[in-house]
Amino acid sequence: MSHSNHPAAGVSPYLVDLTDRVLFGDIWERPQLSKRDRSLVTMAVLMKEFRVDELHSHIRRGLDNGVTREEIGELIVHLAFYGGWPVAANAIKQVKVVYDELDAK
């Protein structure tokens, strides 16, 4: 997956290169965790840290990697107890935005 059209490409092409080569070209390809599991971990971290923009793309990536909507819902329940109720409430809002966009297609 190339991010050459990413807004950062005109500002920090090296960061885009690192993202493509190291993050998605190496880390996401390591066999010790499945892409599905990496998606669950990534979504949990992004939810906890209120990283809305990144979360939206990783919800889509997670669904593409085999995470189900039911599992995302369960992730949010689990996160409510370990990350806080406001984190879960915000995650629900963000997930709903993505689901609404996907369901509108």
PDB file of N, CA and C in Angstrom:
ATOM      1  N   MET A   1       0.847  -1.174   0.000  1.00  0.00           N
ATOM      2  CA  MET A   1       0.000   0.000   0.000  1.00  0.00           C
ATOM      3  C   MET A   1       0.888   1.231   0.000  1.00  0.00           C
ATOM      4  N   SER A   2       0.749   2.037  -1.009  1.00  0.00           N
ATOM      5  CA  SER A   2       1.543   3.255  -1.081  1.00  0.00           C
ATOM      6  C   SER A   2       0.739   4.427  -0.551  1.00  0.00           C
ATOM      7  N   HIS A   3       1.413   5.259   0.209  1.00  0.00           N
ATOM      8  CA  HIS A   3       0.787   6.452   0.761  1.00  0.00           C
ATOM      9  C   HIS A   3       1.304   7.705   0.067  1.00  0.00           C
ATOM     10  N   SER A   4       1.747   7.567  -1.179  1.00  0.00           N
ATOM     11  CA  SER A   4       2.348   8.698  -1.881  1.00  0.00           C
ATOM     12  C   SER A   4       1.360   9.845  -2.081  1.00  0.00           C
ATOM     13  N   ASN A   5       0.063   9.564  -2.048  1.00  0.00           N
ATOM     14  CA  ASN A   5      -0.931  10.632  -2.180  1.00  0.00           C
ATOM     15  C   ASN A   5      -1.354  11.160  -0.806  1.00  0.00           C
ATOM     16  N   HIS A   6      -0.726  10.680   0.240  1.00  0.00           N
ATOM     17  CA  HIS A   6      -1.017  11.136   1.605  1.00  0.00           C
ATOM     18  C   HIS A   6      -0.622  12.602   1.737  1.00  0.00           C
ATOM     19  N   PRO A   7      -1.408  13.392   2.494  1.00  0.00           N
ATOM     20  CA  PRO A   7      -1.074  14.816   2.657  1.00  0.00           C
ATOM     21  C   PRO A   7       0.348  15.054   3.171  1.00  0.00           C
ATOM     22  N   ALA A   8       0.904  14.123   3.910  1.00  0.00           N
ATOM     23  CA  ALA A   8       2.259  14.296   4.441  1.00  0.00           C
ATOM     24  C   ALA A   8       3.323  14.176   3.356  1.00  0.00           C
ATOM     25  N   ALA A   9       2.969  13.621   2.205  1.00  0.00           N
ATOM     26  CA  ALA A   9       3.967  13.400   1.154  1.00  0.00           C
ATOM     27  C   ALA A   9       4.644  14.700   0.723  1.00  0.00           C
ATOM     28  N   GLY A  10       3.901  15.788   0.682  1.00  0.00           N
ATOM     29  CA  GLY A  10       4.476  17.070   0.288  1.00  0.00           C
ATOM     30  C   GLY A  10       5.209  17.768   1.411  1.00  0.00           C
ATOM     31  N   VAL A  11       5.013  17.305   2.622  1.00  0.00           N
ATOM     32  CA  VAL A  11       5.629  17.938   3.790  1.00  0.00           C
ATOM     33  C   VAL A  11       6.804  17.116   4.304  1.00  0.00           C
ATOM     34  N   SER A  12       6.609  15.817   4.416  1.00  0.00           N
ATOM     35  CA  SER A  12       7.650  14.944   4.952  1.00  0.00           C
ATOM     36  C   SER A  12       7.681  13.627   4.173  1.00  0.00           C
ATOM     37  N   PRO A  13       8.252  13.659   2.976  1.00  0.00           N
ATOM     38  CA  PRO A  13       8.271  12.448   2.164  1.00  0.00           C
ATOM     39  C   PRO A  13       8.988  11.285   2.842  1.00  0.00           C
ATOM     40  N   TYR A  14       9.985  11.581   3.671  1.00  0.00           N
ATOM     41  CA  TYR A  14      10.692  10.499   4.359  1.00  0.00           C
ATOM     42  C   TYR A  14       9.778   9.794   5.353  1.00  0.00           C
ATOM     43  N   LEU A  15       8.911  10.546   6.038  1.00  0.00           N
ATOM     44  CA  LEU A  15       7.962   9.910   6.950  1.00  0.00           C
ATOM     45  C   LEU A  15       7.012   8.999   6.179  1.00  0.00           C
ATOM     46  N   VAL A  16       6.572   9.443   5.014  1.00  0.00           N
ATOM     47  CA  VAL A  16       5.715   8.611   4.177  1.00  0.00           C
ATOM     48  C   VAL A  16       6.464   7.355   3.740  1.00  0.00           C
ATOM     49  N   ASP A  17       7.731   7.521   3.371  1.00  0.00           N
ATOM     50  CA  ASP A  17       8.556   6.378   2.984  1.00  0.00           C
ATOM     51  C   ASP A  17       8.702   5.391   4.144  1.00  0.00           C
ATOM     52  N   LEU A  18       8.959   5.900   5.353  1.00  0.00           N
ATOM     53  CA  LEU A  18       9.066   5.028   6.531  1.00  0.00           C
ATOM     54  C   LEU A  18       7.756   4.304   6.798  1.00  0.00           C
ATOM     55  N   THR A  19       6.650   5.033   6.635  1.00  0.00           N
ATOM     56  CA  THR A  19       5.333   4.419   6.837  1.00  0.00           C
ATOM     57  C   THR A  19       5.137   3.265   5.871  1.00  0.00           C
ATOM     58  N   ASP A  20       5.451   3.502   4.600  1.00  0.00           N
ATOM     59  CA  ASP A  20       5.281   2.458   3.586  1.00  0.00           C
ATOM     60  C   ASP A  20       6.229   1.277   3.801  1.00  0.00           C
ATOM     61  N   ARG A  21       7.519   1.573   3.953  1.00  0.00           N
ATOM     62  CA  ARG A  21       8.519   0.512   4.028  1.00  0.00           C
ATOM     63  C   ARG A  21       8.557  -0.200   5.369  1.00  0.00           C
ATOM     64  N   VAL A  22       8.586   0.569   6.457  1.00  0.00           N
ATOM     65  CA  VAL A  22       8.808  -0.031   7.770  1.00  0.00           C
ATOM     66  C   VAL A  22       7.489  -0.434   8.434  1.00  0.00           C
ATOM     67  N   LEU A  23       6.573   0.524   8.579  1.00  0.00           N
ATOM     68  CA  LEU A  23       5.340   0.213   9.295  1.00  0.00           C
ATOM     69  C   LEU A  23       4.496  -0.809   8.542  1.00  0.00           C
ATOM     70  N   PHE A  24       4.103  -0.462   7.299  1.00  0.00           N
ATOM     71  CA  PHE A  24       3.228  -1.374   6.568  1.00  0.00           C
ATOM     72  C   PHE A  24       3.990  -2.440   5.789  1.00  0.00           C
ATOM     73  N   GLY A  25       5.231  -2.167   5.418  1.00  0.00           N
ATOM     74  CA  GLY A  25       6.006  -3.143   4.666  1.00  0.00           C
ATOM     75  C   GLY A  25       6.709  -4.170   5.532  1.00  0.00           C
ATOM     76  N   ASP A  26       6.955  -3.856   6.796  1.00  0.00           N
ATOM     77  CA  ASP A  26       7.655  -4.778   7.694  1.00  0.00           C
ATOM     78  C   ASP A  26       6.798  -5.139   8.907  1.00  0.00           C
ATOM     79  N   ILE A  27       6.495  -4.176   9.745  1.00  0.00           N
ATOM     80  CA  ILE A  27       5.804  -4.455  11.008  1.00  0.00           C
ATOM     81  C   ILE A  27       4.472  -5.163  10.774  1.00  0.00           C
ATOM     82  N   TRP A  28       3.648  -4.644   9.883  1.00  0.00           N
ATOM     83  CA  TRP A  28       2.346  -5.258   9.633  1.00  0.00           C
ATOM     84  C   TRP A  28       2.461  -6.620   8.950  1.00  0.00           C
ATOM     85  N   GLU A  29       3.623  -6.944   8.402  1.00  0.00           N
ATOM     86  CA  GLU A  29       3.810  -8.217   7.701  1.00  0.00           C
ATOM     87  C   GLU A  29       4.476  -9.297   8.553  1.00  0.00           C
ATOM     88  N   ARG A  30       4.882  -8.957   9.750  1.00  0.00           N
ATOM     89  CA  ARG A  30       5.540  -9.950  10.603  1.00  0.00           C
ATOM     90  C   ARG A  30       4.554 -11.060  10.951  1.00  0.00           C
ATOM     91  N   PRO A  31       5.001 -12.319  10.899  1.00  0.00           N
ATOM     92  CA  PRO A  31       4.079 -13.442  11.069  1.00  0.00           C
ATOM     93  C   PRO A  31       3.685 -13.751  12.517  1.00  0.00           C
ATOM     94  N   GLN A  32       4.324 -13.127  13.488  1.00  0.00           N
ATOM     95  CA  GLN A  32       4.064 -13.463  14.885  1.00  0.00           C
ATOM     96  C   GLN A  32       2.656 -13.077  15.344  1.00  0.00           C
ATOM     97  N   LEU A  33       2.074 -12.062  14.720  1.00  0.00           N
ATOM     98  CA  LEU A  33       0.676 -11.694  14.959  1.00  0.00           C
ATOM     99  C   LEU A  33      -0.013 -11.609  13.603  1.00  0.00           C
ATOM    100  N   SER A  34      -1.249 -12.050  13.562  1.00  0.00           N
ATOM    101  CA  SER A  34      -1.998 -11.924  12.308  1.00  0.00           C
ATOM    102  C   SER A  34      -2.354 -10.456  12.077  1.00  0.00           C
ATOM    103  N   LYS A  35      -2.669 -10.130  10.838  1.00  0.00           N
ATOM    104  CA  LYS A  35      -3.104  -8.763  10.547  1.00  0.00           C
ATOM    105  C   LYS A  35      -4.387  -8.453  11.305  1.00  0.00           C
ATOM    106  N   ARG A  36      -5.247  -9.451  11.466  1.00  0.00           N
ATOM    107  CA  ARG A  36      -6.475  -9.277  12.225  1.00  0.00           C
ATOM    108  C   ARG A  36      -6.160  -8.871  13.659  1.00  0.00           C
ATOM    109  N   ASP A  37      -5.236  -9.581  14.288  1.00  0.00           N
ATOM    110  CA  ASP A  37      -4.857  -9.266  15.666  1.00  0.00           C
ATOM    111  C   ASP A  37      -4.179  -7.899  15.756  1.00  0.00           C
ATOM    112  N   ARG A  38      -3.336  -7.600  14.790  1.00  0.00           N
ATOM    113  CA  ARG A  38      -2.688  -6.277  14.775  1.00  0.00           C
ATOM    114  C   ARG A  38      -3.748  -5.175  14.655  1.00  0.00           C
ATOM    115  N   SER A  39      -4.778  -5.430  13.863  1.00  0.00           N
ATOM    116  CA  SER A  39      -5.856  -4.456  13.731  1.00  0.00           C
ATOM    117  C   SER A  39      -6.577  -4.239  15.055  1.00  0.00           C
ATOM    118  N   LEU A  40      -6.872  -5.304  15.779  1.00  0.00           N
ATOM    119  CA  LEU A  40      -7.537  -5.170  17.077  1.00  0.00           C
ATOM    120  C   LEU A  40      -6.691  -4.348  18.047  1.00  0.00           C
ATOM    121  N   VAL A  41      -5.397  -4.654  18.108  1.00  0.00           N
ATOM    122  CA  VAL A  41      -4.496  -3.919  18.997  1.00  0.00           C
ATOM    123  C   VAL A  41      -4.433  -2.452  18.588  1.00  0.00           C
ATOM    124  N   THR A  42      -4.283  -2.216  17.299  1.00  0.00           N
ATOM    125  CA  THR A  42      -4.164  -0.849  16.797  1.00  0.00           C
ATOM    126  C   THR A  42      -5.433  -0.051  17.070  1.00  0.00           C
ATOM    127  N   MET A  43      -6.593  -0.654  16.808  1.00  0.00           N
ATOM    128  CA  MET A  43      -7.843   0.049  17.084  1.00  0.00           C
ATOM    129  C   MET A  43      -7.974   0.378  18.566  1.00  0.00           C
ATOM    130  N   ALA A  44      -7.612  -0.547  19.439  1.00  0.00           N
ATOM    131  CA  ALA A  44      -7.709  -0.293  20.883  1.00  0.00           C
ATOM    132  C   ALA A  44      -6.831   0.884  21.295  1.00  0.00           C
ATOM    133  N   VAL A  45      -5.610   0.915  20.803  1.00  0.00           N
ATOM    134  CA  VAL A  45      -4.700   2.014  21.147  1.00  0.00           C
ATOM    135  C   VAL A  45      -5.233   3.337  20.609  1.00  0.00           C
ATOM    136  N   LEU A  46      -5.676   3.346  19.359  1.00  0.00           N
ATOM    137  CA  LEU A  46      -6.179   4.578  18.768  1.00  0.00           C
ATOM    138  C   LEU A  46      -7.446   5.061  19.476  1.00  0.00           C
ATOM    139  N   MET A  47      -8.300   4.127  19.881  1.00  0.00           N
ATOM    140  CA  MET A  47      -9.497   4.492  20.648  1.00  0.00           C
ATOM    141  C   MET A  47      -9.105   5.118  21.978  1.00  0.00           C
ATOM    142  N   LYS A  48      -8.174   4.490  22.668  1.00  0.00           N
ATOM    143  CA  LYS A  48      -7.756   4.968  23.984  1.00  0.00           C
ATOM    144  C   LYS A  48      -7.121   6.354  23.907  1.00  0.00           C
ATOM    145  N   GLU A  49      -6.398   6.601  22.849  1.00  0.00           N
ATOM    146  CA  GLU A  49      -5.680   7.866  22.700  1.00  0.00           C
ATOM    147  C   GLU A  49      -6.476   8.935  21.946  1.00  0.00           C
ATOM    148  N   PHE A  50      -7.749   8.652  21.638  1.00  0.00           N
ATOM    149  CA  PHE A  50      -8.615   9.591  20.921  1.00  0.00           C
ATOM    150  C   PHE A  50      -7.987  10.041  19.595  1.00  0.00           C
ATOM    151  N   ARG A  51      -7.377   9.117  18.883  1.00  0.00           N
ATOM    152  CA  ARG A  51      -6.756   9.395  17.580  1.00  0.00           C
ATOM    153  C   ARG A  51      -7.791   9.157  16.484  1.00  0.00           C
ATOM    154  N   VAL A  52      -8.725  10.092  16.360  1.00  0.00           N
ATOM    155  CA  VAL A  52      -9.905   9.934  15.517  1.00  0.00           C
ATOM    156  C   VAL A  52      -9.561   9.710  14.051  1.00  0.00           C
ATOM    157  N   ASP A  53      -8.719  10.543  13.476  1.00  0.00           N
ATOM    158  CA  ASP A  53      -8.415  10.418  12.047  1.00  0.00           C
ATOM    159  C   ASP A  53      -7.796   9.058  11.732  1.00  0.00           C
ATOM    160  N   GLU A  54      -6.843   8.653  12.531  1.00  0.00           N
ATOM    161  CA  GLU A  54      -6.179   7.376  12.299  1.00  0.00           C
ATOM    162  C   GLU A  54      -7.134   6.211  12.574  1.00  0.00           C
ATOM    163  N   LEU A  55      -8.002   6.370  13.572  1.00  0.00           N
ATOM    164  CA  LEU A  55      -8.945   5.310  13.922  1.00  0.00           C
ATOM    165  C   LEU A  55      -9.859   4.982  12.754  1.00  0.00           C
ATOM    166  N   HIS A  56     -10.347   5.999  12.062  1.00  0.00           N
ATOM    167  CA  HIS A  56     -11.270   5.758  10.956  1.00  0.00           C
ATOM    168  C   HIS A  56     -10.653   4.845   9.908  1.00  0.00           C
ATOM    169  N   SER A  57      -9.418   5.108   9.518  1.00  0.00           N
ATOM    170  CA  SER A  57      -8.790   4.258   8.502  1.00  0.00           C
ATOM    171  C   SER A  57      -8.486   2.871   9.056  1.00  0.00           C
ATOM    172  N   HIS A  58      -8.198   2.782  10.339  1.00  0.00           N
ATOM    173  CA  HIS A  58      -7.883   1.463  10.914  1.00  0.00           C
ATOM    174  C   HIS A  58      -9.128   0.639  11.207  1.00  0.00           C
ATOM    175  N   ILE A  59     -10.272   1.272  11.365  1.00  0.00           N
ATOM    176  CA  ILE A  59     -11.518   0.494  11.454  1.00  0.00           C
ATOM    177  C   ILE A  59     -11.754  -0.185  10.111  1.00  0.00           C
ATOM    178  N   ARG A  60     -11.597   0.580   9.048  1.00  0.00           N
ATOM    179  CA  ARG A  60     -11.750   0.000   7.707  1.00  0.00           C
ATOM    180  C   ARG A  60     -10.721  -1.110   7.469  1.00  0.00           C
ATOM    181  N   ARG A  61      -9.474  -0.847   7.842  1.00  0.00           N
ATOM    182  CA  ARG A  61      -8.415  -1.847   7.682  1.00  0.00           C
ATOM    183  C   ARG A  61      -8.758  -3.099   8.496  1.00  0.00           C
ATOM    184  N   GLY A  62      -9.243  -2.893   9.717  1.00  0.00           N
ATOM    185  CA  GLY A  62      -9.607  -4.025  10.567  1.00  0.00           C
ATOM    186  C   GLY A  62     -10.694  -4.880   9.933  1.00  0.00           C
ATOM    187  N   LEU A  63     -11.719  -4.238   9.408  1.00  0.00           N
ATOM    188  CA  LEU A  63     -12.780  -4.991   8.737  1.00  0.00           C
ATOM    189  C   LEU A  63     -12.208  -5.756   7.543  1.00  0.00           C
ATOM    190  N   ASP A  64     -11.322  -5.106   6.779  1.00  0.00           N
ATOM    191  CA  ASP A  64     -10.669  -5.784   5.647  1.00  0.00           C
ATOM    192  C   ASP A  64      -9.795  -6.939   6.118  1.00  0.00           C
ATOM    193  N   ASN A  65      -9.256  -6.836   7.333  1.00  0.00           N
ATOM    194  CA  ASN A  65      -8.382  -7.877   7.877  1.00  0.00           C
ATOM    195  C   ASN A  65      -9.154  -8.967   8.618  1.00  0.00           C
ATOM    196  N   GLY A  66     -10.484  -8.926   8.555  1.00  0.00           N
ATOM    197  CA  GLY A  66     -11.280 -10.005   9.117  1.00  0.00           C
ATOM    198  C   GLY A  66     -11.878  -9.742  10.490  1.00  0.00           C
ATOM    199  N   VAL A  67     -11.671  -8.565  11.051  1.00  0.00           N
ATOM    200  CA  VAL A  67     -12.317  -8.225  12.316  1.00  0.00           C
ATOM    201  C   VAL A  67     -13.787  -7.968  12.009  1.00  0.00           C
ATOM    202  N   THR A  68     -14.678  -8.554  12.797  1.00  0.00           N
ATOM    203  CA  THR A  68     -16.100  -8.370  12.561  1.00  0.00           C
ATOM    204  C   THR A  68     -16.623  -7.161  13.334  1.00  0.00           C
ATOM    205  N   ARG A  69     -17.780  -6.704  12.931  1.00  0.00           N
ATOM    206  CA  ARG A  69     -18.430  -5.607  13.659  1.00  0.00           C
ATOM    207  C   ARG A  69     -18.735  -6.043  15.099  1.00  0.00           C
ATOM    208  N   GLU A  70     -19.131  -7.275  15.256  1.00  0.00           N
ATOM    209  CA  GLU A  70     -19.399  -7.786  16.608  1.00  0.00           C
ATOM    210  C   GLU A  70     -18.136  -7.736  17.470  1.00  0.00           C
ATOM    211  N   GLU A  71     -16.994  -8.094  16.891  1.00  0.00           N
ATOM    212  CA  GLU A  71     -15.735  -8.040  17.636  1.00  0.00           C
ATOM    213  C   GLU A  71     -15.342  -6.605  17.974  1.00  0.00           C
ATOM    214  N   ILE A  72     -15.593  -5.671  17.072  1.00  0.00           N
ATOM    215  CA  ILE A  72     -15.302  -4.266  17.370  1.00  0.00           C
ATOM    216  C   ILE A  72     -16.174  -3.806  18.530  1.00  0.00           C
ATOM    217  N   GLY A  73     -17.435  -4.218  18.531  1.00  0.00           N
ATOM    218  CA  GLY A  73     -18.315  -3.891  19.653  1.00  0.00           C
ATOM    219  C   GLY A  73     -17.800  -4.453  20.962  1.00  0.00           C
ATOM    220  N   GLU A  74     -17.319  -5.683  20.930  1.00  0.00           N
ATOM    221  CA  GLU A  74     -16.777  -6.313  22.140  1.00  0.00           C
ATOM    222  C   GLU A  74     -15.476  -5.650  22.571  1.00  0.00           C
ATOM    223  N   LEU A  75     -14.676  -5.229  21.606  1.00  0.00           N
ATOM    224  CA  LEU A  75     -13.458  -4.485  21.914  1.00  0.00           C
ATOM    225  C   LEU A  75     -13.804  -3.221  22.698  1.00  0.00           C
ATOM    226  N   ILE A  76     -14.851  -2.539  22.278  1.00  0.00           N
ATOM    227  CA  ILE A  76     -15.261  -1.308  22.955  1.00  0.00           C
ATOM    228  C   ILE A  76     -15.736  -1.599  24.374  1.00  0.00           C
ATOM    229  N   VAL A  77     -16.475  -2.683  24.570  1.00  0.00           N
ATOM    230  CA  VAL A  77     -16.911  -3.057  25.924  1.00  0.00           C
ATOM    231  C   VAL A  77     -15.693  -3.318  26.803  1.00  0.00           C
ATOM    232  N   HIS A  78     -14.754  -4.081  26.298  1.00  0.00           N
ATOM    233  CA  HIS A  78     -13.542  -4.407  27.060  1.00  0.00           C
ATOM    234  C   HIS A  78     -12.756  -3.137  27.387  1.00  0.00           C
ATOM    235  N   LEU A  79     -12.659  -2.267  26.390  1.00  0.00           N
ATOM    236  CA  LEU A  79     -11.923  -1.020  26.552  1.00  0.00           C
ATOM    237  C   LEU A  79     -12.572  -0.103  27.595  1.00  0.00           C
ATOM    238  N   ALA A  80     -13.885  -0.178  27.732  1.00  0.00           N
ATOM    239  CA  ALA A  80     -14.583   0.658  28.715  1.00  0.00           C
ATOM    240  C   ALA A  80     -14.037   0.414  30.121  1.00  0.00           C
ATOM    241  N   PHE A  81     -13.700  -0.832  30.413  1.00  0.00           N
ATOM    242  CA  PHE A  81     -13.225  -1.169  31.755  1.00  0.00           C
ATOM    243  C   PHE A  81     -11.731  -0.933  31.942  1.00  0.00           C
ATOM    244  N   TYR A  82     -10.964  -1.073  30.880  1.00  0.00           N
ATOM    245  CA  TYR A  82      -9.525  -0.884  30.998  1.00  0.00           C
ATOM    246  C   TYR A  82      -9.070   0.513  30.571  1.00  0.00           C
ATOM    247  N   GLY A  83      -9.850   1.175  29.734  1.00  0.00           N
ATOM    248  CA  GLY A  83      -9.452   2.488  29.229  1.00  0.00           C
ATOM    249  C   GLY A  83     -10.319   3.623  29.715  1.00  0.00           C
ATOM    250  N   GLY A  84     -11.512   3.296  30.180  1.00  0.00           N
ATOM    251  CA  GLY A  84     -12.416   4.317  30.694  1.00  0.00           C
ATOM    252  C   GLY A  84     -13.693   4.428  29.886  1.00  0.00           C
ATOM    253  N   TRP A  85     -14.756   4.774  30.596  1.00  0.00           N
ATOM    254  CA  TRP A  85     -16.062   4.892  29.961  1.00  0.00           C
ATOM    255  C   TRP A  85     -16.084   5.958  28.866  1.00  0.00           C
ATOM    256  N   PRO A  86     -15.489   7.133  29.086  1.00  0.00           N
ATOM    257  CA  PRO A  86     -15.478   8.145  28.016  1.00  0.00           C
ATOM    258  C   PRO A  86     -14.752   7.655  26.757  1.00  0.00           C
ATOM    259  N   VAL A  87     -13.729   6.859  26.936  1.00  0.00           N
ATOM    260  CA  VAL A  87     -13.012   6.301  25.789  1.00  0.00           C
ATOM    261  C   VAL A  87     -13.961   5.430  24.970  1.00  0.00           C
ATOM    262  N   ALA A  88     -14.719   4.585  25.655  1.00  0.00           N
ATOM    263  CA  ALA A  88     -15.663   3.704  24.966  1.00  0.00           C
ATOM    264  C   ALA A  88     -16.770   4.505  24.295  1.00  0.00           C
ATOM    265  N   ALA A  89     -17.282   5.518  24.988  1.00  0.00           N
ATOM    266  CA  ALA A  89     -18.351   6.338  24.416  1.00  0.00           C
ATOM    267  C   ALA A  89     -17.873   7.052  23.152  1.00  0.00           C
ATOM    268  N   ASN A  90     -16.671   7.578  23.183  1.00  0.00           N
ATOM    269  CA  ASN A  90     -16.115   8.234  22.005  1.00  0.00           C
ATOM    270  C   ASN A  90     -15.868   7.217  20.887  1.00  0.00           C
ATOM    271  N   ALA A  91     -15.374   6.043  21.236  1.00  0.00           N
ATOM    272  CA  ALA A  91     -15.116   5.008  20.230  1.00  0.00           C
ATOM    273  C   ALA A  91     -16.400   4.627  19.511  1.00  0.00           C
ATOM    274  N   ILE A  92     -17.492   4.512  20.256  1.00  0.00           N
ATOM    275  CA  ILE A  92     -18.777   4.184  19.631  1.00  0.00           C
ATOM    276  C   ILE A  92     -19.137   5.231  18.582  1.00  0.00           C
ATOM    277  N   LYS A  93     -18.971   6.503  18.925  1.00  0.00           N
ATOM    278  CA  LYS A  93     -19.280   7.577  17.970  1.00  0.00           C
ATOM    279  C   LYS A  93     -18.436   7.445  16.709  1.00  0.00           C
ATOM    280  N   GLN A  94     -17.143   7.180  16.898  1.00  0.00           N
ATOM    281  CA  GLN A  94     -16.238   7.109  15.754  1.00  0.00           C
ATOM    282  C   GLN A  94     -16.524   5.886  14.888  1.00  0.00           C
ATOM    283  N   VAL A  95     -16.800   4.758  15.519  1.00  0.00           N
ATOM    284  CA  VAL A  95     -17.112   3.541  14.771  1.00  0.00           C
ATOM    285  C   VAL A  95     -18.406   3.739  13.990  1.00  0.00           C
ATOM    286  N   LYS A  96     -19.375   4.372  14.600  1.00  0.00           N
ATOM    287  CA  LYS A  96     -20.657   4.614  13.919  1.00  0.00           C
ATOM    288  C   LYS A  96     -20.465   5.465  12.673  1.00  0.00           C
ATOM    289  N   VAL A  97     -19.601   6.464  12.739  1.00  0.00           N
ATOM    290  CA  VAL A  97     -19.321   7.292  11.560  1.00  0.00           C
ATOM    291  C   VAL A  97     -18.825   6.414  10.411  1.00  0.00           C
ATOM    292  N   VAL A  98     -17.897   5.534  10.702  1.00  0.00           N
ATOM    293  CA  VAL A  98     -17.348   4.660   9.665  1.00  0.00           C
ATOM    294  C   VAL A  98     -18.406   3.704   9.149  1.00  0.00           C
ATOM    295  N   TYR A  99     -19.163   3.087  10.051  1.00  0.00           N
ATOM    296  CA  TYR A  99     -20.222   2.162   9.627  1.00  0.00           C
ATOM    297  C   TYR A  99     -21.252   2.870   8.744  1.00  0.00           C
ATOM    298  N   ASP A 100     -21.638   4.082   9.140  1.00  0.00           N
ATOM    299  CA  ASP A 100     -22.603   4.838   8.329  1.00  0.00           C
ATOM    300  C   ASP A 100     -22.045   5.102   6.931  1.00  0.00           C
ATOM    301  N   GLU A 101     -20.759   5.452   6.858  1.00  0.00           N
ATOM    302  CA  GLU A 101     -20.138   5.692   5.543  1.00  0.00           C
ATOM    303  C   GLU A 101     -20.127   4.407   4.719  1.00  0.00           C
ATOM    304  N   LEU A 102     -19.757   3.294   5.343  1.00  0.00           N
ATOM    305  CA  LEU A 102     -19.700   2.020   4.620  1.00  0.00           C
ATOM    306  C   LEU A 102     -21.086   1.540   4.198  1.00  0.00           C
ATOM    307  N   ASP A 103     -22.056   1.722   5.082  1.00  0.00           N
ATOM    308  CA  ASP A 103     -23.416   1.252   4.782  1.00  0.00           C
ATOM    309  C   ASP A 103     -24.106   2.103   3.737  1.00  0.00           C
ATOM    310  N   ALA A 104     -23.651   3.334   3.546  1.00  0.00           N
ATOM    311  CA  ALA A 104     -24.246   4.234   2.560  1.00  0.00           C
ATOM    312  C   ALA A 104     -23.817   3.874   1.138  1.00  0.00           C
ATOM    313  N   LYS A 105     -22.776   3.093   1.018  1.00  0.00           N
ATOM    314  CA  LYS A 105     -22.265   2.734  -0.322  1.00  0.00           C
ATOM    315  C   LYS A 105     -23.112   1.678  -0.976  1.00  0.00           C
TER     316      LYS A 105
END
